[in-house]
Structures are given as structure tokens and as C-alpha cells.
Amino acid sequence: MGKVNKVTLIILDSVGIGELPDAAAYGDAGSNTLANVAKAVQGLKLPNLGRLGLGNIHTIDGVAAVELPQGAYGKMAEKSQGKDTTTGHWEMAGIILEKPFRTYPKGFPPELISEFEKRIGRKSLGNVVASGTQIIEELGPQHMETGLPIVYTSADSVFQVAAHEEVIPLEELYHICEIARTLLDGEHKVGRVIARPFVGQPGSFRRTANRHDYAVPPPEPNILTELQRAGVNTMGVGKVFDIFAGVGISDTIKTKSNMDGVDKILEFMKNTRQGLIFANLVEYDSLYGHRNDPVGYARALEDFDSRLPEILAAMQPDEVLILTADHGCDPTTASTDHSREYVPLLVYGQPIKPGINLGARTSFSDIAATLADFFGLSFSVGTSFAGEALK
């Protein structure tokens, strides 16, 4: 089998490829992020992803199946209960959740909010389920007048705190979120507490890149901690460090956008000879999926496709690229939440056999098992596809 010394794993956040068999139980029957976005814009232009085999996984308008894909291809089902960012990424690292993180479809209980307000020394606004852009438009002016932070949640297991950077400085907002993180444990353990800073004036607020996630530390062992123990460098790009609360991540760099994320991925690729680069490109989800904007979603996919040749050109002979996603977020459905979907799986590099159909994997944890095989480790969760894919 081919020798692998470096893997670049890129998560195209929310780029699902069709409803899972249990999607209806999550309210997601009919969701197919990629195919439905393609239909909404009369066809996607993704020639580079197409050559790797994207159109061979599922029918996607504008992305034809090719006779001999340059990569191995397939799709993965989520075994864990849930459809949120943390659950998806954790499963890729070999952590399968039998019980989903708790969600709050009616907002947080009054006693929890009361204790939160007591600990931060001020009242709060909101405590509702809302989109981040909607809530700051509605409550931003009142927040600016009163200095009270805005608390909200979503269909995900999140406790989000929004504040204007000129009203509550970043360090203070982060401290408020740290207090919330200590409170949200035990019975009320949520997957993430998220600081959501914004700037601007009423009618023209915009969120900034200074978001910070406070995740529950992942259990061990997981593939990231196992790689670290084996001396394999683990590099996080974007919100990966936050998703894992820093556990198992040796080096990290934040990103301001998808295209900035590609720039940072390329920096790591060019400056490291060995290890795992684990990157998340979040804007498909945050800017377009949750806002039901298929046109923006399509443009973001095409923007990434146009940068893909740079990534392929930067690859070393002993390097493998894995492209996948963590869940769906179909912008063409009535819902603005994540969707319970399969995720695409594209694997490319000199060590990889072209044109291999990896089929429908039963768990995202197959990524963890495959990484273990690539780097010569033993790992008991997931089913590796290294034997199928490597030359």
C-alpha cells in the first residue's frame, strides 16, 4: 500500500448529499443540500470536484458523473444521534454519541437564566430560539441602550451570547461565555457556548470574525489524542480547535472566511512535511444554509472549486486529501436548521487508487479508523477504507 505521511482533511461545513433513512424523525425528509442547491440555480459549476468524483456519488445538476474519477468517492452516514457541528466532527474523530446533546426548543429554563445573570452581574435579553442575524436586528438597538447581552439558541445544542464589540468588549464577552460554560454542565450540558460579537448601527449590524466557541471537551481516546501521542502533528484550521476544546490539536489558526481558510490550509500544506491538517470551512452553513440562501450557497461552492487546483498542486507525493462534511443545512427547505443527511466523501492523492467507489459508509468514524491506518496506529472505532483506497 502507498505510504502516507500527511493528510489534509477539509470539512465543507453543512454540505450534505441526501437525507439519511431516519431524516423524517428529525424533520428533514426531502433534504439534500447539494442536489437541491444545484436545482435551485439550474446547475452547479464544480468541474474540479466533479473530476474527483462528486457527481459519481449522487445526481447533481451540472456535475456529471465521470468515467474514471481522479479520486476515490463515496458517502457517509452519521451513526451518532444528532445533526450538529460538534457531533459530526467528534464522530469523525472516533467519538460516537449514544445520547445527543441537549437542546432547548423553547429557550432555557428561567432558573438557569437567573443563575447565569447572577453570575455575570447583569440581566440579559432574548432567551429565544432565533437565527443570529435576526436576533441582533431585533434586539441589537435595545442591547446598545442597556448594555445587556443577548442570549439565544437554535435547533443545535448551543448557548449563544451576542454583544456589540463597542458595548461589551471582546474580553468581557469571552469572560461571560466562560461563566456560561461552567454553568452549562450536568443536567444542562450543551455542546457549545458561542460568543457572537457584532458591530455596526441599527439597520446595518454585522457579525465579526471574533466568534469564539467553548465546547465540551471530547472524551478520550479519540484519533486526535492518539495521533498526538504517536508524535503526529495535528493542525486545526478555522473552528476545529474550538469544536474539540483544544484537545488533541497541536497547532491552530483562525480564519475570517472560506477563502481565508483556503489560504491558511495552503500555508500549513506548504510549511509542514508530516501530520494531519484538519480544517473547517464554515460559511456554507453560517452565511447561506441557515439563511436559506441557495444562490449564495452555490457561489460559495463554486468559489471553493475554483481554489481546489491550488490545494491539489500543493500536495506532496505522500499526502492524501479528504473532502467531506459534518451534516447538511439545505437552504431550499422551510427549515433554517441543520439537516440529517449523508455527507460526501472524496479521497485523493498519489497514494490513492483513482475511481474506487467507497460506497455508503455506516459512520463518520470511518475517517478516524482510516487516519489510524494511514499513520500506522491501532484504533478500535470505525471501519477503515485505507485497504480499499490505497495503491
Protein backbone atom coordinates (compact mmCIF):
# COMPACT_ATOMS: atom_id res chain seq x y z
CA MET A 1 0.00 0.00 0.00
CA GLY A 2 1.07 3.59 -0.61
CA LYS A 3 2.96 5.46 2.07
CA VAL A 4 1.06 8.34 3.73
CA ASN A 5 2.85 10.90 5.91
CA LYS A 6 0.39 13.77 5.69
CA VAL A 7 -3.38 14.09 5.45
CA THR A 8 -5.36 17.24 4.73
CA LEU A 9 -8.93 16.75 5.94
CA ILE A 10 -11.28 19.55 4.84
CA ILE A 11 -14.82 19.80 6.21
CA LEU A 12 -17.15 21.69 3.88
CA ASP A 13 -19.46 22.65 6.72
CA SER A 14 -23.08 21.54 6.09
CA VAL A 15 -22.54 20.28 2.50
CA GLY A 16 -24.83 17.25 2.80
CA ILE A 17 -25.71 14.93 -0.07
CA GLY A 18 -29.11 13.44 0.69
CA GLU A 19 -31.42 12.56 3.56
CA LEU A 20 -30.49 9.72 5.92
CA PRO A 21 -33.03 6.91 6.45
CA ASP A 22 -34.05 8.47 9.79
CA ALA A 23 -34.23 12.05 8.45
CA ALA A 24 -38.00 12.27 8.91
CA ALA A 25 -37.60 11.76 12.66
CA TYR A 26 -35.54 14.96 12.68
CA GLY A 27 -38.00 16.89 10.49
CA ASP A 28 -35.65 16.65 7.49
CA ALA A 29 -37.48 14.47 4.97
CA GLY A 30 -36.56 15.59 1.46
CA SER A 31 -33.37 17.41 2.44
CA ASN A 32 -30.46 17.15 0.03
CA THR A 33 -28.22 20.18 0.36
CA LEU A 34 -26.04 19.66 -2.73
CA ALA A 35 -28.70 18.38 -5.13
CA ASN A 36 -31.33 20.91 -4.07
CA VAL A 37 -28.92 23.86 -4.26
CA ALA A 38 -27.94 22.67 -7.76
CA LYS A 39 -31.59 22.55 -8.85
CA ALA A 40 -32.28 25.99 -7.36
CA VAL A 41 -29.55 27.59 -9.52
CA GLN A 42 -30.14 25.48 -12.64
CA GLY A 43 -26.89 23.58 -12.19
CA LEU A 44 -23.66 23.95 -10.23
CA LYS A 45 -20.32 24.58 -11.94
CA LEU A 46 -17.91 22.39 -9.98
CA PRO A 47 -15.53 20.95 -12.59
CA ASN A 48 -12.69 20.18 -10.18
CA LEU A 49 -14.84 18.46 -7.56
CA GLY A 50 -16.54 16.68 -10.47
CA ARG A 51 -13.24 15.28 -11.71
CA LEU A 52 -12.56 13.88 -8.24
CA GLY A 53 -15.88 12.02 -8.37
CA LEU A 54 -18.51 14.25 -6.74
CA GLY A 55 -21.07 13.57 -9.49
CA ASN A 56 -20.50 9.83 -9.12
CA ILE A 57 -21.82 9.89 -5.55
CA HIS A 58 -25.26 11.34 -6.34
CA THR A 59 -27.05 13.05 -9.23
CA ILE A 60 -26.22 16.76 -9.03
CA ASP A 61 -27.40 19.15 -11.76
CA GLY A 62 -24.35 20.49 -13.59
CA VAL A 63 -21.93 17.95 -12.05
CA ALA A 64 -21.90 14.90 -14.29
CA ALA A 65 -20.59 11.51 -13.27
CA VAL A 66 -17.19 10.84 -14.88
CA GLU A 67 -15.96 7.55 -16.32
CA LEU A 68 -12.80 7.43 -14.23
CA PRO A 69 -12.80 9.80 -11.25
CA GLN A 70 -9.37 11.03 -10.18
CA GLY A 71 -10.15 10.14 -6.58
CA ALA A 72 -11.95 7.54 -4.52
CA TYR A 73 -15.52 8.52 -3.72
CA GLY A 74 -18.48 7.59 -1.54
CA LYS A 75 -20.73 8.96 1.17
CA MET A 76 -21.01 8.57 4.94
CA ALA A 77 -23.95 8.23 7.31
CA GLU A 78 -23.92 9.67 10.81
CA LYS A 79 -24.19 6.95 13.45
CA SER A 80 -24.48 9.31 16.43
CA GLN A 81 -27.80 10.79 17.44
CA GLY A 82 -27.98 14.40 16.32
CA LYS A 83 -27.09 16.66 13.41
CA ASP A 84 -24.94 19.37 14.93
CA THR A 85 -21.38 20.50 14.28
CA THR A 86 -19.84 19.03 17.42
CA THR A 87 -21.45 15.62 16.98
CA GLY A 88 -20.36 15.41 13.34
CA HIS A 89 -16.75 16.41 13.94
CA TRP A 90 -16.44 14.27 17.05
CA GLU A 91 -17.69 11.21 15.16
CA MET A 92 -15.00 11.77 12.52
CA ALA A 93 -12.51 11.64 15.39
CA GLY A 94 -13.94 8.31 16.54
CA ILE A 95 -16.39 9.50 19.21
CA ILE A 96 -19.90 8.13 18.70
CA LEU A 97 -22.57 9.72 20.89
CA GLU A 98 -25.31 7.34 22.03
CA LYS A 99 -27.23 10.25 23.56
CA PRO A 100 -27.49 13.59 21.75
CA PHE A 101 -26.51 16.87 23.38
CA ARG A 102 -29.47 18.60 24.99
CA THR A 103 -31.37 21.23 23.00
CA TYR A 104 -33.77 23.95 24.15
CA PRO A 105 -36.53 24.48 21.55
CA LYS A 106 -38.44 26.77 23.97
CA GLY A 107 -35.41 28.64 25.29
CA PHE A 108 -33.52 27.98 28.51
CA PRO A 109 -35.36 27.42 31.80
CA PRO A 110 -35.88 30.57 33.91
CA GLU A 111 -33.84 29.21 36.82
CA LEU A 112 -30.85 28.62 34.53
CA ILE A 113 -31.04 32.14 33.08
CA SER A 114 -31.47 33.58 36.58
CA GLU A 115 -28.30 31.84 37.78
CA PHE A 116 -26.44 32.96 34.64
CA GLU A 117 -27.48 36.58 35.24
CA LYS A 118 -26.49 36.33 38.88
CA ARG A 119 -23.03 35.08 37.97
CA ILE A 120 -22.37 37.72 35.28
CA GLY A 121 -23.83 40.52 37.42
CA ARG A 122 -26.38 41.80 34.91
CA LYS A 123 -29.67 40.89 33.26
CA SER A 124 -29.83 39.51 29.72
CA LEU A 125 -32.06 39.92 26.66
CA GLY A 126 -33.71 37.30 24.48
CA ASN A 127 -33.57 33.71 25.67
CA VAL A 128 -35.32 32.57 22.49
CA VAL A 129 -34.68 30.27 19.54
CA ALA A 130 -33.55 32.52 16.68
CA SER A 131 -31.11 32.96 13.83
CA GLY A 132 -28.06 35.01 14.73
CA THR A 133 -28.67 37.74 12.18
CA GLN A 134 -32.37 38.01 13.07
CA ILE A 135 -31.78 38.32 16.80
CA ILE A 136 -29.23 41.12 16.56
CA GLU A 137 -31.51 43.09 14.21
CA GLU A 138 -34.39 42.70 16.67
CA LEU A 139 -32.58 43.20 19.97
CA GLY A 140 -29.39 44.98 18.91
CA PRO A 141 -30.76 48.52 19.49
CA GLN A 142 -32.03 47.59 22.99
CA HIS A 143 -28.70 45.92 23.73
CA MET A 144 -26.85 49.10 22.76
CA GLU A 145 -29.09 51.19 25.00
CA THR A 146 -28.91 48.91 28.04
CA GLY A 147 -25.57 47.09 27.75
CA LEU A 148 -27.34 43.78 28.41
CA PRO A 149 -26.03 40.73 26.47
CA ILE A 150 -28.34 38.88 24.07
CA VAL A 151 -28.85 35.17 24.80
CA TYR A 152 -30.32 32.82 22.20
CA THR A 153 -30.18 29.23 20.98
CA SER A 154 -31.09 27.21 17.87
CA ALA A 155 -32.03 23.67 16.92
CA ASP A 156 -28.44 22.79 17.86
CA SER A 157 -27.19 22.26 21.38
CA VAL A 158 -25.83 25.80 21.77
CA PHE A 159 -25.98 28.69 24.25
CA GLN A 160 -25.11 31.79 22.23
CA VAL A 161 -24.27 35.22 23.60
CA ALA A 162 -24.32 38.18 21.20
CA ALA A 163 -22.87 41.58 22.05
CA HIS A 164 -21.74 44.69 20.17
CA GLU A 165 -17.96 44.99 20.39
CA GLU A 166 -18.22 48.68 21.38
CA VAL A 167 -20.79 47.94 24.12
CA ILE A 168 -19.32 44.79 25.65
CA PRO A 169 -15.62 44.49 24.75
CA LEU A 170 -14.45 41.16 23.39
CA GLU A 171 -12.57 40.08 26.50
CA GLU A 172 -15.64 40.76 28.63
CA LEU A 173 -17.89 38.85 26.22
CA TYR A 174 -15.47 35.92 26.30
CA HIS A 175 -15.48 36.01 30.11
CA ILE A 176 -19.29 35.96 30.13
CA CYS A 177 -19.19 32.88 27.88
CA GLU A 178 -16.63 31.20 30.12
CA ILE A 179 -19.01 31.71 33.05
CA ALA A 180 -21.84 30.23 30.99
CA ARG A 181 -19.68 27.23 30.09
CA THR A 182 -19.06 26.40 33.76
CA LEU A 183 -22.81 26.67 34.42
CA LEU A 184 -23.94 24.56 31.46
CA ASP A 185 -22.87 21.17 32.73
CA GLY A 186 -24.57 18.13 34.20
CA GLU A 187 -28.31 18.30 33.54
CA HIS A 188 -27.94 21.33 31.27
CA LYS A 189 -24.77 20.30 29.39
CA VAL A 190 -24.84 21.82 25.91
CA GLY A 191 -22.42 21.05 23.11
CA ARG A 192 -21.15 24.60 22.71
CA VAL A 193 -21.32 28.04 24.27
CA ILE A 194 -20.67 30.57 21.49
CA ALA A 195 -19.56 34.20 21.74
CA ARG A 196 -21.21 36.11 18.86
CA PRO A 197 -19.73 39.62 18.64
CA PHE A 198 -21.10 42.14 16.15
CA VAL A 199 -20.54 45.74 15.07
CA GLY A 200 -22.40 48.46 13.19
CA GLN A 201 -25.53 50.52 13.81
CA PRO A 202 -29.24 49.61 13.93
CA GLY A 203 -30.32 48.51 10.48
CA SER A 204 -26.77 47.61 9.45
CA PHE A 205 -25.38 45.29 12.11
CA ARG A 206 -22.90 42.62 11.02
CA ARG A 207 -21.26 39.81 12.92
CA THR A 208 -17.47 39.82 13.10
CA ALA A 209 -14.81 37.12 12.75
CA ASN A 210 -14.14 37.30 16.52
CA ARG A 211 -16.60 34.50 17.27
CA HIS A 212 -15.33 32.04 19.85
CA ASP A 213 -16.73 28.59 20.67
CA TYR A 214 -16.49 26.98 24.10
CA ALA A 215 -17.07 23.29 23.54
CA VAL A 216 -17.41 20.41 25.94
CA PRO A 217 -14.00 18.68 25.99
CA PRO A 218 -14.22 15.47 23.95
CA PRO A 219 -13.77 12.10 25.65
CA GLU A 220 -10.61 10.11 25.12
CA PRO A 221 -9.31 8.14 23.42
CA ASN A 222 -10.03 9.81 20.10
CA ILE A 223 -7.96 9.81 16.94
CA LEU A 224 -6.58 13.31 17.58
CA THR A 225 -5.15 12.43 21.00
CA GLU A 226 -3.87 9.10 19.64
CA LEU A 227 -2.08 10.87 16.79
CA GLN A 228 -0.53 13.34 19.22
CA ARG A 229 0.72 10.54 21.47
CA ALA A 230 2.30 8.91 18.43
CA GLY A 231 4.18 12.12 17.60
CA VAL A 232 1.98 13.07 14.64
CA ASN A 233 1.44 16.84 14.38
CA THR A 234 -2.25 17.83 14.40
CA MET A 235 -3.12 21.21 12.92
CA GLY A 236 -6.54 22.86 13.19
CA VAL A 237 -7.83 25.44 10.71
CA GLY A 238 -10.92 27.52 11.48
CA LYS A 239 -13.19 26.42 14.30
CA VAL A 240 -11.74 22.90 14.66
CA PHE A 241 -9.74 23.90 17.75
CA ASP A 242 -12.90 25.27 19.38
CA ILE A 243 -15.01 22.22 18.48
CA PHE A 244 -12.55 19.96 20.31
CA ALA A 245 -11.85 22.49 23.11
CA GLY A 246 -8.21 22.28 22.03
CA VAL A 247 -7.97 18.59 22.95
CA GLY A 248 -5.69 16.75 20.53
CA ILE A 249 -4.80 19.86 18.49
CA SER A 250 -1.07 20.72 18.40
CA ASP A 251 -1.29 23.92 16.34
CA THR A 252 -4.19 26.10 15.27
CA ILE A 253 -5.05 29.11 13.18
CA LYS A 254 -8.34 31.05 12.98
CA THR A 255 -9.96 32.08 9.71
CA LYS A 256 -12.06 35.06 8.61
CA SER A 257 -13.85 33.42 5.67
CA ASN A 258 -13.84 30.32 3.49
CA MET A 259 -11.29 31.81 1.13
CA ASP A 260 -9.10 32.89 4.05
CA GLY A 261 -9.49 29.31 5.27
CA VAL A 262 -8.15 28.01 1.95
CA ASP A 263 -5.20 30.40 2.29
CA LYS A 264 -4.47 29.06 5.79
CA ILE A 265 -4.79 25.44 4.62
CA LEU A 266 -2.26 26.17 1.87
CA GLU A 267 0.13 27.73 4.40
CA PHE A 268 0.04 24.61 6.55
CA MET A 269 0.37 22.36 3.49
CA LYS A 270 3.45 24.21 2.23
CA ASN A 271 5.14 24.52 5.63
CA THR A 272 4.70 21.03 7.07
CA ARG A 273 6.06 17.69 5.92
CA GLN A 274 4.10 15.39 8.21
CA GLY A 275 0.87 15.32 10.15
CA LEU A 276 -2.87 15.97 9.96
CA ILE A 277 -4.32 19.27 8.77
CA PHE A 278 -7.94 19.32 9.98
CA ALA A 279 -9.85 22.28 8.51
CA ASN A 280 -13.41 23.57 8.68
CA LEU A 281 -14.83 25.96 6.07
CA VAL A 282 -17.91 27.31 7.84
CA GLU A 283 -19.57 29.84 5.54
CA TYR A 284 -21.73 27.35 3.61
CA ASP A 285 -23.51 26.75 6.91
CA SER A 286 -23.29 30.11 8.69
CA LEU A 287 -23.90 32.52 5.82
CA TYR A 288 -26.08 30.54 3.41
CA GLY A 289 -27.57 27.35 4.86
CA HIS A 290 -29.04 28.93 7.98
CA ARG A 291 -30.23 31.92 5.95
CA ASN A 292 -31.96 29.84 3.25
CA ASP A 293 -29.81 31.37 0.52
CA PRO A 294 -29.21 28.74 -2.20
CA VAL A 295 -27.72 31.28 -4.60
CA GLY A 296 -25.08 32.32 -2.06
CA TYR A 297 -24.52 28.67 -1.17
CA ALA A 298 -23.91 27.81 -4.82
CA ARG A 299 -21.50 30.71 -5.25
CA ALA A 300 -19.53 29.61 -2.16
CA LEU A 301 -19.25 26.06 -3.51
CA GLU A 302 -18.05 27.35 -6.86
CA ASP A 303 -15.54 29.64 -5.14
CA PHE A 304 -14.04 26.65 -3.33
CA ASP A 305 -13.99 24.60 -6.53
CA SER A 306 -12.00 27.37 -8.22
CA ARG A 307 -9.37 27.16 -5.44
CA LEU A 308 -9.19 23.36 -5.41
CA PRO A 309 -6.43 23.19 -8.08
CA GLU A 310 -4.17 25.20 -5.73
CA ILE A 311 -4.74 22.63 -2.99
CA LEU A 312 -4.07 19.72 -5.33
CA ALA A 313 -0.90 21.38 -6.64
CA ALA A 314 0.39 21.87 -3.08
CA MET A 315 0.10 18.19 -2.21
CA GLN A 316 3.23 16.15 -1.57
CA PRO A 317 3.71 12.66 -3.07
CA ASP A 318 2.97 11.05 0.30
CA GLU A 319 -0.08 13.24 1.07
CA VAL A 320 -3.79 12.41 0.97
CA LEU A 321 -6.65 14.90 0.69
CA ILE A 322 -10.05 14.02 2.21
CA LEU A 323 -13.06 16.23 1.48
CA THR A 324 -16.27 15.69 3.44
CA ALA A 325 -18.90 17.46 5.58
CA ASP A 326 -20.31 17.28 9.11
CA HIS A 327 -24.09 17.39 8.41
CA GLY A 328 -26.48 19.10 5.98
CA CYS A 329 -28.16 22.51 6.02
CA ASP A 330 -30.43 22.56 2.99
CA PRO A 331 -31.19 26.21 2.15
CA THR A 332 -34.12 25.26 -0.09
CA THR A 333 -36.34 23.81 2.65
CA ALA A 334 -38.58 25.76 5.03
CA SER A 335 -36.24 24.96 7.92
CA THR A 336 -33.25 27.19 8.68
CA ASP A 337 -31.63 24.47 10.79
CA HIS A 338 -29.16 21.69 10.06
CA SER A 339 -30.47 18.65 8.20
CA ARG A 340 -29.86 14.96 8.91
CA GLU A 341 -28.03 13.90 5.74
CA TYR A 342 -25.34 11.72 4.27
CA VAL A 343 -22.12 13.61 3.65
CA PRO A 344 -19.92 13.27 0.55
CA LEU A 345 -16.55 11.54 0.76
CA LEU A 346 -13.79 12.36 -1.73
CA VAL A 347 -10.26 10.98 -1.25
CA TYR A 348 -7.35 11.98 -3.49
CA GLY A 349 -3.56 11.80 -3.69
CA GLN A 350 -0.70 9.89 -5.27
CA PRO A 351 -1.13 7.02 -2.77
CA ILE A 352 -4.85 6.68 -3.65
CA LYS A 353 -6.30 4.47 -6.39
CA PRO A 354 -8.45 6.56 -8.74
CA GLY A 355 -12.04 5.60 -9.42
CA ILE A 356 -12.62 3.46 -6.34
CA ASN A 357 -16.23 3.51 -5.09
CA LEU A 358 -16.06 3.51 -1.30
CA GLY A 359 -19.83 3.05 -1.09
CA ALA A 360 -22.15 4.24 1.66
CA ARG A 361 -20.17 4.15 4.90
CA THR A 362 -22.17 3.48 8.06
CA SER A 363 -20.34 6.02 10.24
CA PHE A 364 -18.27 9.19 10.04
CA SER A 365 -15.87 7.35 12.37
CA ASP A 366 -14.52 5.53 9.31
CA ILE A 367 -12.41 8.68 8.90
CA ALA A 368 -10.77 8.05 12.30
CA ALA A 369 -10.12 4.40 11.51
CA THR A 370 -8.62 5.33 8.14
CA LEU A 371 -6.36 8.00 9.65
CA ALA A 372 -5.13 5.39 12.13
CA ASP A 373 -4.23 3.06 9.26
CA PHE A 374 -2.55 5.84 7.29
CA PHE A 375 -0.31 6.71 10.24
CA GLY A 376 0.27 3.14 11.42
CA LEU A 377 -1.80 3.29 14.61
CA SER A 378 -4.27 0.92 16.21
CA PHE A 379 -7.78 2.35 16.69
CA SER A 380 -10.92 0.38 17.51
CA VAL A 381 -13.75 2.66 16.34
CA GLY A 382 -14.94 2.78 12.74
CA THR A 383 -14.14 0.77 9.62
CA SER A 384 -11.06 1.90 7.71
CA PHE A 385 -11.23 2.38 3.95
CA ALA A 386 -7.43 2.53 3.66
CA GLY A 387 -7.28 -1.02 2.32
CA GLU A 388 -9.76 -0.17 -0.43
CA ALA A 389 -8.33 3.18 -1.38
CA LEU A 390 -4.55 2.84 -1.13
CA LYS A 391 -2.47 1.66 -4.08
